[in-house]
């Protein structure tokens, strides 16, 4: 019972529950994926493999 508080993290040494998020990196990745999706939907639409090239 004496060490129970340390097991559950209430000993005063709390570490961040989540890592720091780099918003610029996430925005860059979202932009990159958007370009890829637009390119592929256009290419598949021209090839006739996609019913509609528009979303």
PDB file of N, CA and C in Angstrom:
ATOM      1  N   UNK A   1       0.816  -1.185   0.000  1.00  0.00           N
ATOM      2  CA  UNK A   1       0.000   0.000   0.000  1.00  0.00           C
ATOM      3  C   UNK A   1       0.862   1.252   0.000  1.00  0.00           C
ATOM      4  N   UNK A   2       2.058   1.165   0.551  1.00  0.00           N
ATOM      5  CA  UNK A   2       2.899   2.356   0.635  1.00  0.00           C
ATOM      6  C   UNK A   2       3.343   2.834  -0.749  1.00  0.00           C
ATOM      7  N   UNK A   3       3.626   1.920  -1.672  1.00  0.00           N
ATOM      8  CA  UNK A   3       4.118   2.292  -2.989  1.00  0.00           C
ATOM      9  C   UNK A   3       3.027   2.414  -4.038  1.00  0.00           C
ATOM     10  N   UNK A   4       1.777   2.281  -3.638  1.00  0.00           N
ATOM     11  CA  UNK A   4       0.667   2.314  -4.594  1.00  0.00           C
ATOM     12  C   UNK A   4       0.564   3.661  -5.292  1.00  0.00           C
ATOM     13  N   UNK A   5       0.851   4.745  -4.615  1.00  0.00           N
ATOM     14  CA  UNK A   5       0.759   6.073  -5.226  1.00  0.00           C
ATOM     15  C   UNK A   5       1.783   6.220  -6.356  1.00  0.00           C
ATOM     16  N   UNK A   6       2.954   5.654  -6.198  1.00  0.00           N
ATOM     17  CA  UNK A   6       3.988   5.720  -7.230  1.00  0.00           C
ATOM     18  C   UNK A   6       3.633   4.926  -8.468  1.00  0.00           C
ATOM     19  N   UNK A   7       2.904   3.838  -8.296  1.00  0.00           N
ATOM     20  CA  UNK A   7       2.502   2.994  -9.421  1.00  0.00           C
ATOM     21  C   UNK A   7       1.538   3.738 -10.332  1.00  0.00           C
ATOM     22  N   UNK A   8       0.667   4.521  -9.743  1.00  0.00           N
ATOM     23  CA  UNK A   8      -0.354   5.216 -10.520  1.00  0.00           C
ATOM     24  C   UNK A   8       0.053   6.629 -10.926  1.00  0.00           C
ATOM     25  N   UNK A   9       1.280   7.022 -10.674  1.00  0.00           N
ATOM     26  CA  UNK A   9       1.800   8.268 -11.185  1.00  0.00           C
ATOM     27  C   UNK A   9       1.490   9.509 -10.380  1.00  0.00           C
ATOM     28  N   UNK A  10       1.055   9.394  -9.171  1.00  0.00           N
ATOM     29  CA  UNK A  10       0.764  10.591  -8.385  1.00  0.00           C
ATOM     30  C   UNK A  10       1.920  10.953  -7.462  1.00  0.00           C
ATOM     31  N   UNK A  11       3.130  10.563  -7.840  1.00  0.00           N
ATOM     32  CA  UNK A  11       4.289  10.861  -7.006  1.00  0.00           C
ATOM     33  C   UNK A  11       4.921  12.208  -7.339  1.00  0.00           C
ATOM     34  N   UNK A  12       4.291  13.001  -8.195  1.00  0.00           N
ATOM     35  CA  UNK A  12       4.804  14.321  -8.525  1.00  0.00           C
ATOM     36  C   UNK A  12       5.681  14.349  -9.757  1.00  0.00           C
ATOM     37  N   UNK A  13       6.064  13.201 -10.263  1.00  0.00           N
ATOM     38  CA  UNK A  13       6.894  13.140 -11.467  1.00  0.00           C
ATOM     39  C   UNK A  13       6.035  12.738 -12.653  1.00  0.00           C
ATOM     40  N   UNK A  14       5.191  13.644 -13.087  1.00  0.00           N
ATOM     41  CA  UNK A  14       4.293  13.306 -14.192  1.00  0.00           C
ATOM     42  C   UNK A  14       4.963  13.644 -15.520  1.00  0.00           C
ATOM     43  N   UNK A  15       4.883  12.720 -16.452  1.00  0.00           N
ATOM     44  CA  UNK A  15       5.390  12.927 -17.799  1.00  0.00           C
ATOM     45  C   UNK A  15       4.217  13.276 -18.700  1.00  0.00           C
ATOM     46  N   UNK A  16       4.476  13.991 -19.786  1.00  0.00           N
ATOM     47  CA  UNK A  16       3.370  14.323 -20.686  1.00  0.00           C
ATOM     48  C   UNK A  16       2.709  13.058 -21.229  1.00  0.00           C
ATOM     49  N   UNK A  17       1.397  13.066 -21.255  1.00  0.00           N
ATOM     50  CA  UNK A  17       0.663  11.895 -21.720  1.00  0.00           C
ATOM     51  C   UNK A  17       0.785  11.734 -23.225  1.00  0.00           C
ATOM     52  N   UNK A  18       0.947  12.854 -23.951  1.00  0.00           N
ATOM     53  CA  UNK A  18       1.055  12.812 -25.407  1.00  0.00           C
ATOM     54  C   UNK A  18       2.313  13.539 -25.840  1.00  0.00           C
ATOM     55  N   UNK A  19       2.958  13.083 -26.911  1.00  0.00           N
ATOM     56  CA  UNK A  19       4.133  13.801 -27.403  1.00  0.00           C
ATOM     57  C   UNK A  19       3.729  15.142 -28.014  1.00  0.00           C
ATOM     58  N   UNK A  20       4.670  16.039 -28.114  1.00  0.00           N
ATOM     59  CA  UNK A  20       4.407  17.349 -28.721  1.00  0.00           C
ATOM     60  C   UNK A  20       4.046  17.166 -30.191  1.00  0.00           C
ATOM     61  N   UNK A  21       3.098  17.949 -30.669  1.00  0.00           N
ATOM     62  CA  UNK A  21       2.617  17.831 -32.042  1.00  0.00           C
ATOM     63  C   UNK A  21       3.168  18.985 -32.864  1.00  0.00           C
ATOM     64  N   UNK A  22       3.776  18.665 -33.992  1.00  0.00           N
ATOM     65  CA  UNK A  22       4.298  19.681 -34.892  1.00  0.00           C
ATOM     66  C   UNK A  22       3.232  19.977 -35.941  1.00  0.00           C
ATOM     67  N   UNK A  23       2.533  21.087 -35.766  1.00  0.00           N
ATOM     68  CA  UNK A  23       1.403  21.433 -36.626  1.00  0.00           C
ATOM     69  C   UNK A  23       1.862  21.716 -38.057  1.00  0.00           C
ATOM     70  N   UNK A  24       3.017  22.327 -38.224  1.00  0.00           N
ATOM     71  CA  UNK A  24       3.514  22.619 -39.580  1.00  0.00           C
ATOM     72  C   UNK A  24       3.749  21.333 -40.367  1.00  0.00           C
ATOM     73  N   UNK A  25       4.300  20.335 -39.715  1.00  0.00           N
ATOM     74  CA  UNK A  25       4.543  19.052 -40.376  1.00  0.00           C
ATOM     75  C   UNK A  25       3.218  18.391 -40.757  1.00  0.00           C
ATOM     76  N   UNK A  26       2.243  18.457 -39.864  1.00  0.00           N
ATOM     77  CA  UNK A  26       0.940  17.864 -40.166  1.00  0.00           C
ATOM     78  C   UNK A  26       0.257  18.576 -41.325  1.00  0.00           C
ATOM     79  N   UNK A  27       0.328  19.896 -41.364  1.00  0.00           N
ATOM     80  CA  UNK A  27      -0.271  20.649 -42.469  1.00  0.00           C
ATOM     81  C   UNK A  27       0.422  20.326 -43.790  1.00  0.00           C
ATOM     82  N   UNK A  28       1.738  20.177 -43.759  1.00  0.00           N
ATOM     83  CA  UNK A  28       2.472  19.823 -44.974  1.00  0.00           C
ATOM     84  C   UNK A  28       2.056  18.442 -45.474  1.00  0.00           C
ATOM     85  N   UNK A  29       1.894  17.504 -44.568  1.00  0.00           N
ATOM     86  CA  UNK A  29       1.495  16.145 -44.948  1.00  0.00           C
ATOM     87  C   UNK A  29       0.074  16.132 -45.506  1.00  0.00           C
ATOM     88  N   UNK A  30      -0.822  16.903 -44.899  1.00  0.00           N
ATOM     89  CA  UNK A  30      -2.199  16.988 -45.398  1.00  0.00           C
ATOM     90  C   UNK A  30      -2.214  17.562 -46.809  1.00  0.00           C
ATOM     91  N   UNK A  31      -1.421  18.604 -47.043  1.00  0.00           N
ATOM     92  CA  UNK A  31      -1.337  19.180 -48.381  1.00  0.00           C
ATOM     93  C   UNK A  31      -0.791  18.203 -49.398  1.00  0.00           C
ATOM     94  N   UNK A  32       0.226  17.464 -49.009  1.00  0.00           N
ATOM     95  CA  UNK A  32       0.823  16.466 -49.902  1.00  0.00           C
ATOM     96  C   UNK A  32      -0.193  15.378 -50.257  1.00  0.00           C
ATOM     97  N   UNK A  33      -0.900  14.881 -49.264  1.00  0.00           N
ATOM     98  CA  UNK A  33      -1.886  13.833 -49.512  1.00  0.00           C
ATOM     99  C   UNK A  33      -3.050  14.344 -50.350  1.00  0.00           C
ATOM    100  N   UNK A  34      -3.431  15.600 -50.167  1.00  0.00           N
ATOM    101  CA  UNK A  34      -4.502  16.190 -50.977  1.00  0.00           C
ATOM    102  C   UNK A  34      -4.088  16.233 -52.443  1.00  0.00           C
ATOM    103  N   UNK A  35      -2.839  16.631 -52.704  1.00  0.00           N
ATOM    104  CA  UNK A  35      -2.352  16.662 -54.083  1.00  0.00           C
ATOM    105  C   UNK A  35      -2.340  15.272 -54.701  1.00  0.00           C
ATOM    106  N   UNK A  36      -1.914  14.281 -53.949  1.00  0.00           N
ATOM    107  CA  UNK A  36      -1.864  12.908 -54.461  1.00  0.00           C
ATOM    108  C   UNK A  36      -3.268  12.405 -54.771  1.00  0.00           C
ATOM    109  N   UNK A  37      -4.207  12.663 -53.880  1.00  0.00           N
ATOM    110  CA  UNK A  37      -5.586  12.215 -54.094  1.00  0.00           C
ATOM    111  C   UNK A  37      -6.184  12.888 -55.326  1.00  0.00           C
ATOM    112  N   UNK A  38      -5.967  14.190 -55.456  1.00  0.00           N
ATOM    113  CA  UNK A  38      -6.487  14.904 -56.627  1.00  0.00           C
ATOM    114  C   UNK A  38      -5.874  14.372 -57.919  1.00  0.00           C
ATOM    115  N   UNK A  39      -4.571  14.127 -57.901  1.00  0.00           N
ATOM    116  CA  UNK A  39      -3.899  13.609 -59.090  1.00  0.00           C
ATOM    117  C   UNK A  39      -4.441  12.225 -59.453  1.00  0.00           C
ATOM    118  N   UNK A  40      -4.527  11.352 -58.468  1.00  0.00           N
ATOM    119  CA  UNK A  40      -4.986   9.993 -58.753  1.00  0.00           C
ATOM    120  C   UNK A  40      -6.445   9.956 -59.185  1.00  0.00           C
ATOM    121  N   UNK A  41      -7.287  10.775 -58.588  1.00  0.00           N
ATOM    122  CA  UNK A  41      -8.689  10.774 -58.998  1.00  0.00           C
ATOM    123  C   UNK A  41      -8.826  11.288 -60.425  1.00  0.00           C
ATOM    124  N   UNK A  42      -8.021  12.277 -60.806  1.00  0.00           N
ATOM    125  CA  UNK A  42      -8.042  12.767 -62.181  1.00  0.00           C
ATOM    126  C   UNK A  42      -7.535  11.728 -63.166  1.00  0.00           C
ATOM    127  N   UNK A  43      -6.441  11.055 -62.803  1.00  0.00           N
ATOM    128  CA  UNK A  43      -5.868  10.039 -63.686  1.00  0.00           C
ATOM    129  C   UNK A  43      -6.810   8.852 -63.846  1.00  0.00           C
ATOM    130  N   UNK A  44      -7.415   8.422 -62.765  1.00  0.00           N
ATOM    131  CA  UNK A  44      -8.348   7.293 -62.848  1.00  0.00           C
ATOM    132  C   UNK A  44      -9.615   7.679 -63.601  1.00  0.00           C
ATOM    133  N   UNK A  45     -10.041   8.919 -63.446  1.00  0.00           N
ATOM    134  CA  UNK A  45     -11.216   9.388 -64.183  1.00  0.00           C
ATOM    135  C   UNK A  45     -10.953   9.419 -65.678  1.00  0.00           C
ATOM    136  N   UNK A  46      -9.771   9.867 -66.083  1.00  0.00           N
ATOM    137  CA  UNK A  46      -9.409   9.910 -67.507  1.00  0.00           C
ATOM    138  C   UNK A  46      -9.272   8.499 -68.080  1.00  0.00           C
ATOM    139  N   UNK A  47      -8.820   7.569 -67.247  1.00  0.00           N
ATOM    140  CA  UNK A  47      -8.644   6.193 -67.702  1.00  0.00           C
ATOM    141  C   UNK A  47      -9.950   5.423 -67.706  1.00  0.00           C
ATOM    142  N   UNK A  48     -11.000   6.025 -67.175  1.00  0.00           N
ATOM    143  CA  UNK A  48     -12.292   5.359 -67.144  1.00  0.00           C
ATOM    144  C   UNK A  48     -12.427   4.343 -66.030  1.00  0.00           C
ATOM    145  N   UNK A  49     -11.537   4.372 -65.066  1.00  0.00           N
ATOM    146  CA  UNK A  49     -11.571   3.403 -63.969  1.00  0.00           C
ATOM    147  C   UNK A  49     -12.298   3.947 -62.738  1.00  0.00           C
ATOM    148  N   UNK A  50     -12.667   5.212 -62.801  1.00  0.00           N
ATOM    149  CA  UNK A  50     -13.375   5.845 -61.690  1.00  0.00           C
ATOM    150  C   UNK A  50     -14.674   6.398 -62.236  1.00  0.00           C
ATOM    151  N   UNK A  51     -15.809   6.050 -61.651  1.00  0.00           N
ATOM    152  CA  UNK A  51     -17.096   6.512 -62.183  1.00  0.00           C
ATOM    153  C   UNK A  51     -17.194   8.025 -62.307  1.00  0.00           C
ATOM    154  N   UNK A  52     -16.652   8.743 -61.327  1.00  0.00           N
ATOM    155  CA  UNK A  52     -16.713  10.184 -61.346  1.00  0.00           C
ATOM    156  C   UNK A  52     -15.392  10.744 -60.885  1.00  0.00           C
ATOM    157  N   UNK A  53     -14.801  11.648 -61.665  1.00  0.00           N
ATOM    158  CA  UNK A  53     -13.516  12.231 -61.290  1.00  0.00           C
ATOM    159  C   UNK A  53     -13.712  13.279 -60.211  1.00  0.00           C
ATOM    160  N   UNK A  54     -14.935  13.748 -60.010  1.00  0.00           N
ATOM    161  CA  UNK A  54     -15.212  14.750 -58.976  1.00  0.00           C
ATOM    162  C   UNK A  54     -15.715  14.062 -57.726  1.00  0.00           C
ATOM    163  N   UNK A  55     -15.504  14.725 -56.594  1.00  0.00           N
ATOM    164  CA  UNK A  55     -15.977  14.163 -55.327  1.00  0.00           C
ATOM    165  C   UNK A  55     -17.367  14.623 -55.057  1.00  0.00           C
TER     166      UNK A  55
END
